[in-house]
Protein backbone atom coordinates (compact mmCIF):
# COMPACT_ATOMS: atom_id res chain seq x y z
CA MET A 1 108.81 -121.42 31.18
CA ALA A 2 106.36 -119.80 33.50
CA LEU A 3 103.49 -122.05 32.62
CA GLN A 4 105.87 -125.05 32.87
CA LEU A 5 106.97 -124.00 36.24
CA PHE A 6 103.44 -123.50 37.23
CA LEU A 7 102.48 -127.00 36.36
CA ASN A 8 105.50 -128.40 38.16
CA GLY A 9 104.46 -126.32 41.26
CA LEU A 10 100.92 -127.70 41.24
CA VAL A 11 102.35 -131.32 41.24
CA THR A 12 104.93 -130.37 44.03
CA GLY A 13 102.12 -128.80 46.07
CA LEU A 14 99.87 -132.10 45.77
CA LEU A 15 103.04 -134.04 46.93
CA LEU A 16 103.28 -131.71 50.02
CA ALA A 17 99.58 -131.99 50.65
CA LEU A 18 99.74 -135.34 52.22
CA PRO A 19 102.42 -134.82 54.72
CA ALA A 20 101.09 -131.32 55.46
CA LEU A 21 97.60 -132.75 55.81
CA ALA A 22 98.94 -135.38 58.35
CA LEU A 23 100.91 -132.72 60.39
CA THR A 24 97.72 -130.52 60.69
CA LEU A 25 95.51 -133.57 61.61
CA VAL A 26 97.91 -134.40 64.46
CA PHE A 27 97.95 -130.76 65.56
CA GLY A 28 94.25 -130.40 65.48
CA ILE A 29 93.52 -133.66 67.36
CA LEU A 30 96.51 -133.98 69.68
CA ARG A 31 97.58 -130.38 69.92
CA PHE A 32 101.29 -130.67 69.00
CA ALA A 33 103.39 -130.24 65.79
CA ASN A 34 105.00 -133.64 64.87
CA PHE A 35 108.55 -132.69 63.83
CA ALA A 36 109.11 -136.51 62.81
CA VAL A 37 107.05 -136.03 59.53
CA GLY A 38 110.17 -135.62 57.30
CA ALA A 39 111.90 -138.66 58.89
CA PHE A 40 108.85 -140.89 58.43
CA LEU A 41 108.59 -139.64 54.82
CA THR A 42 112.13 -140.84 54.37
CA LEU A 43 111.17 -144.21 56.00
CA GLY A 44 108.23 -144.60 53.65
CA ALA A 45 110.61 -144.20 50.58
CA TYR A 46 113.04 -146.74 51.91
CA ALA A 47 110.18 -149.17 52.78
CA ALA A 48 108.83 -148.87 49.19
CA TYR A 49 112.40 -149.13 47.85
CA THR A 50 112.93 -152.48 49.81
CA ALA A 51 109.56 -153.91 48.52
CA ASN A 52 110.09 -152.74 44.89
CA VAL A 53 113.82 -153.27 44.26
CA VAL A 54 114.89 -155.89 47.00
CA LEU A 55 111.67 -158.04 46.81
CA GLY A 56 110.71 -157.37 43.40
CA LEU A 57 107.31 -156.30 43.87
CA PRO A 58 105.34 -153.94 41.75
CA LEU A 59 105.49 -150.20 42.82
CA PRO A 60 101.64 -150.23 43.67
CA ILE A 61 102.19 -152.98 46.07
CA ALA A 62 105.33 -151.51 47.28
CA ALA A 63 103.47 -148.24 48.01
CA ALA A 64 100.96 -150.17 50.03
CA PHE A 65 103.74 -151.78 51.90
CA ALA A 66 105.32 -148.32 52.76
CA ALA A 67 102.05 -147.03 54.01
CA GLY A 68 101.60 -149.97 56.29
CA THR A 69 105.28 -149.65 57.49
CA VAL A 70 105.05 -146.04 58.36
CA ALA A 71 101.64 -146.45 59.90
CA LEU A 72 103.14 -149.11 62.13
CA ALA A 73 106.22 -147.09 62.95
CA SER A 74 104.08 -144.11 63.94
CA LEU A 75 101.98 -146.44 66.38
CA ILE A 76 105.21 -147.62 67.85
CA ALA A 77 106.40 -144.11 68.31
CA ASP A 78 103.16 -143.10 69.92
CA ALA A 79 103.24 -146.14 72.34
CA LEU A 80 106.93 -145.80 73.28
CA VAL A 81 107.15 -141.86 73.28
CA PHE A 82 104.15 -139.72 72.69
CA GLU A 83 101.59 -141.42 74.80
CA ARG A 84 103.86 -141.26 77.79
CA LEU A 85 104.31 -137.53 77.27
CA ARG A 86 100.78 -136.65 76.48
CA THR A 87 100.14 -134.69 79.62
CA ARG A 88 103.40 -132.82 79.63
CA GLY A 89 102.37 -130.17 77.04
CA SER A 90 102.91 -129.35 73.27
CA ILE A 91 106.39 -128.09 73.81
CA THR A 92 107.60 -131.30 75.28
CA LEU A 93 105.77 -133.38 72.55
CA LEU A 94 107.53 -131.29 69.93
CA VAL A 95 110.97 -131.64 71.43
CA ALA A 96 110.29 -135.43 71.68
CA SER A 97 109.18 -135.63 68.06
CA MET A 98 112.54 -134.12 67.23
CA GLY A 99 114.15 -137.07 68.88
CA VAL A 100 112.13 -139.46 67.25
CA SER A 101 113.04 -137.83 63.80
CA LEU A 102 116.71 -138.31 64.64
CA VAL A 103 116.21 -142.00 65.54
CA VAL A 104 114.16 -142.84 62.53
CA GLU A 105 116.57 -140.93 60.05
CA ASN A 106 119.82 -142.80 61.50
CA ILE A 107 118.11 -146.18 61.35
CA CYS A 108 117.53 -145.46 57.70
CA ARG A 109 121.12 -144.37 57.40
CA PHE A 110 122.38 -147.34 59.30
CA ILE A 111 120.58 -149.85 57.16
CA PHE A 112 120.68 -148.30 53.68
CA GLY A 113 123.74 -146.12 53.82
CA ASN A 114 124.24 -142.67 52.32
CA ALA A 115 124.27 -143.64 48.72
CA ALA A 116 121.31 -142.32 46.60
CA ARG A 117 118.87 -144.94 45.54
CA SER A 118 115.80 -145.21 43.21
CA PHE A 119 112.82 -147.34 42.29
CA ASP A 120 113.01 -150.09 39.62
CA LEU A 121 110.89 -148.41 37.07
CA ALA A 122 110.88 -148.51 33.14
CA VAL A 123 111.97 -145.32 31.55
CA ALA A 124 109.13 -143.48 29.84
CA ARG A 125 109.22 -140.46 27.66
CA PRO A 126 107.46 -137.35 29.12
CA MET A 127 104.18 -136.38 27.31
CA ARG A 128 103.79 -133.05 25.38
CA TRP A 129 100.73 -130.88 25.66
CA ASN A 130 100.52 -127.31 24.27
CA GLY A 131 104.09 -127.01 24.74
CA LEU A 132 104.12 -128.32 28.31
CA ARG A 133 106.12 -131.42 29.34
CA ILE A 134 104.15 -133.82 31.67
CA ASN A 135 106.02 -136.60 33.22
CA HIS A 136 104.35 -139.94 33.91
CA GLU A 137 105.50 -139.57 37.63
CA GLN A 138 103.64 -136.30 37.80
CA LEU A 139 100.32 -137.90 36.53
CA ILE A 140 100.90 -140.64 39.08
CA THR A 141 101.39 -138.11 41.90
CA ALA A 142 98.35 -136.00 40.91
CA GLY A 143 96.02 -139.06 40.51
CA VAL A 144 97.20 -140.73 43.85
CA VAL A 145 97.02 -137.60 45.88
CA ILE A 146 93.53 -136.42 44.62
CA ILE A 147 92.04 -139.78 45.34
CA ALA A 148 93.66 -139.95 48.88
CA LEU A 149 92.36 -136.47 49.58
CA VAL A 150 88.81 -137.21 48.55
CA LEU A 151 88.79 -140.51 50.65
CA LEU A 152 90.30 -138.72 53.65
CA HIS A 153 87.58 -135.92 53.30
CA LEU A 154 84.76 -138.49 53.21
CA LEU A 155 86.23 -140.18 56.18
CA ILE A 156 86.57 -137.08 58.32
CA THR A 157 83.22 -135.58 57.18
CA ALA A 158 80.80 -138.64 56.74
CA SER A 159 81.88 -141.50 58.92
CA PRO A 160 81.49 -142.30 62.69
CA LEU A 161 85.32 -142.23 62.89
CA GLY A 162 85.48 -138.75 61.39
CA ARG A 163 82.76 -137.59 63.92
CA ALA A 164 84.81 -139.18 66.80
CA MET A 165 88.08 -137.40 65.69
CA ARG A 166 86.24 -134.07 65.50
CA ALA A 167 84.84 -134.53 68.84
CA VAL A 168 88.14 -135.28 70.50
CA ALA A 169 89.55 -132.18 68.53
CA ASP A 170 86.76 -130.20 70.03
CA ASN A 171 86.75 -131.17 73.47
CA ALA A 172 88.59 -134.44 74.70
CA SER A 173 87.00 -134.41 78.15
CA LEU A 174 83.56 -134.15 76.98
CA ALA A 175 84.25 -136.78 74.18
CA ALA A 176 85.44 -139.17 76.71
CA VAL A 177 82.22 -138.59 78.86
CA ARG A 178 80.19 -139.73 75.68
CA GLY A 179 82.45 -142.90 75.30
CA VAL A 180 85.13 -141.69 72.74
CA GLU A 181 88.46 -142.45 74.27
CA ARG A 182 91.12 -140.03 73.32
CA ARG A 183 93.75 -142.75 73.53
CA THR A 184 92.08 -144.77 70.84
CA ILE A 185 91.42 -141.79 68.53
CA ALA A 186 95.25 -140.76 69.04
CA ARG A 187 96.28 -144.25 67.88
CA ILE A 188 93.97 -144.20 64.90
CA THR A 189 95.27 -140.59 63.97
CA PHE A 190 98.89 -141.72 64.17
CA ALA A 191 98.27 -144.80 62.01
CA LEU A 192 96.14 -142.79 59.47
CA THR A 193 98.69 -139.98 59.28
CA GLY A 194 101.64 -142.48 59.10
CA ALA A 195 99.88 -144.10 56.00
CA LEU A 196 99.69 -140.62 54.47
CA ILE A 197 103.13 -139.90 55.14
CA GLY A 198 104.46 -143.20 53.94
CA LEU A 199 102.50 -142.84 50.74
CA ALA A 200 103.91 -139.32 50.33
CA GLY A 201 107.44 -140.84 50.61
CA VAL A 202 106.78 -143.16 47.78
CA LEU A 203 105.62 -140.09 45.62
CA ALA A 204 108.87 -138.32 46.77
CA GLY A 205 110.95 -141.13 45.78
CA LEU A 206 109.35 -140.79 42.26
CA ASP A 207 110.31 -137.31 42.04
CA ARG A 208 113.89 -137.48 43.39
CA ALA A 209 116.64 -139.83 44.60
CA ILE A 210 116.12 -141.57 47.79
CA ASP A 211 118.71 -140.73 50.58
CA PRO A 212 118.60 -140.40 54.43
CA LEU A 213 118.07 -136.60 54.17
CA MET A 214 115.28 -136.78 51.59
CA GLY A 215 112.58 -135.98 54.21
CA TRP A 216 114.63 -133.00 55.59
CA ASN A 217 114.24 -131.37 52.09
CA TYR A 218 110.66 -131.65 52.45
CA GLN A 219 110.44 -130.65 56.21
CA ILE A 220 110.47 -126.82 55.93
CA PRO A 221 107.89 -126.67 52.96
CA ILE A 222 105.59 -129.07 54.77
CA PHE A 223 105.47 -126.94 57.82
CA ALA A 224 105.27 -123.76 55.75
CA ALA A 225 102.34 -125.33 54.02
CA ALA A 226 100.54 -126.28 57.29
CA ILE A 227 101.06 -123.00 58.95
CA LEU A 228 100.14 -121.08 55.88
CA GLY A 229 96.88 -122.88 55.84
CA GLY A 230 96.41 -122.72 59.51
CA LEU A 231 97.60 -125.58 61.85
CA GLY A 232 94.40 -127.78 62.51
CA SER A 233 92.66 -126.95 59.29
CA PRO A 234 92.71 -129.80 56.63
CA ILE A 235 91.41 -127.56 53.94
CA GLY A 236 94.27 -125.03 54.81
CA ALA A 237 96.84 -127.68 54.67
CA VAL A 238 95.92 -128.64 51.11
CA ALA A 239 95.59 -124.93 50.03
CA GLY A 240 98.80 -124.09 51.82
CA ALA A 241 100.56 -126.87 50.07
CA LEU A 242 99.53 -125.96 46.63
CA LEU A 243 100.51 -122.22 47.19
CA ILE A 244 104.02 -123.36 48.67
CA GLY A 245 104.47 -125.67 45.73
CA VAL A 246 103.93 -123.03 43.08
CA ALA A 247 105.65 -120.26 44.83
CA GLU A 248 108.86 -122.47 45.24
CA GLU A 249 108.71 -123.40 41.59
CA MET A 250 107.94 -120.09 40.25
CA SER A 251 110.73 -118.61 42.46
CA ALA A 252 113.01 -120.29 39.81
CA LEU A 253 112.18 -117.31 37.41
CA VAL A 254 114.19 -114.86 39.81
CA LEU A 255 116.27 -117.09 42.15
CA PRO A 256 118.68 -119.88 41.76
CA VAL A 257 117.07 -123.35 42.04
CA SER A 258 119.32 -124.15 45.29
CA PHE A 259 117.65 -121.17 47.11
CA ARG A 260 114.00 -122.32 46.57
CA GLN A 261 113.61 -123.09 50.42
CA ILE A 262 113.97 -119.40 51.08
CA VAL A 263 110.39 -119.02 49.93
CA SER A 264 109.20 -121.32 52.60
CA PHE A 265 111.28 -119.70 55.29
CA GLY A 266 109.97 -116.32 54.02
CA VAL A 267 106.32 -117.61 54.37
CA ILE A 268 106.82 -118.92 57.81
CA LEU A 269 108.31 -115.60 58.96
CA LEU A 270 105.73 -113.49 57.45
CA LEU A 271 102.83 -115.48 58.76
CA LEU A 272 104.30 -115.48 62.37
CA LEU A 273 104.67 -111.66 62.08
CA PHE A 274 101.28 -110.83 60.52
CA ARG A 275 98.94 -113.69 60.58
CA ALA A 276 99.92 -116.38 63.09
CA ASN A 277 96.69 -118.42 62.62
CA GLY A 278 97.10 -118.72 58.85
CA LEU A 279 94.70 -118.31 56.00
CA PHE A 280 92.22 -120.76 57.29
CA GLY A 281 92.98 -120.82 61.01
CA ASN A 282 89.38 -120.50 61.99
CA LYS A 283 88.36 -123.68 60.06
CA ALA A 284 89.99 -126.31 62.19
CA ILE A 285 89.06 -129.95 62.01
CA ARG A 286 86.64 -129.69 64.97
CA LYS A 287 84.44 -127.38 62.69
């Protein structure tokens, strides 16, 4: 039982890694915590559902459609809300992102209703390995997330765009002098993080039923993962997501399953009390 929960926790952590990484990238470059992460995750799941079930497209194409849809929605939110408030400070942007979250969530509820939905996939038996049960959805999640993390790491560390993002994160004014516009980098960041969140929404839809509050169920673990790793640290976001995923699943050994989010709340509380910078708070994107 413990090994099975540990395996499930690793997969859950990988699922959390994409939105937690999106959250920490926005914070590292634009200096505010985007509370709309959960709502955009829900939007990604519904976009994939529309492509897969309504339009009859294969799930990989539906996933690409979801990533593009959420990237576009993130750009629209930036143009209509965040860009206009960029100079007002991080607290104003955080509150604005809460408003964006409510708007996106209720748009999904208005269009799709409150009924739970799922993708059109063939039922497959889970595999068995040394007494462990491994679902096909878990293999898909692990493979997709690992590939996405590798590509994103290469983008940030070994590309001109990545260097520009790090420059803006380090000193936006100095980067502007060198010809790197913060406005352009902000839009690219929102598009990139939107695509990550949309992809995470598809993976979440494989893991559970799709409903308007699906993203809210992931909101606290996502923030806990990003804070645990250190807001602004991509490496920390991934490490924090894995730790939160394993901790939540392993908590089933001592707590009812419905109480698993207590773990995330507890992690946030302890970090705010004893290590507010997180585990990797000194390894921000600009470094």
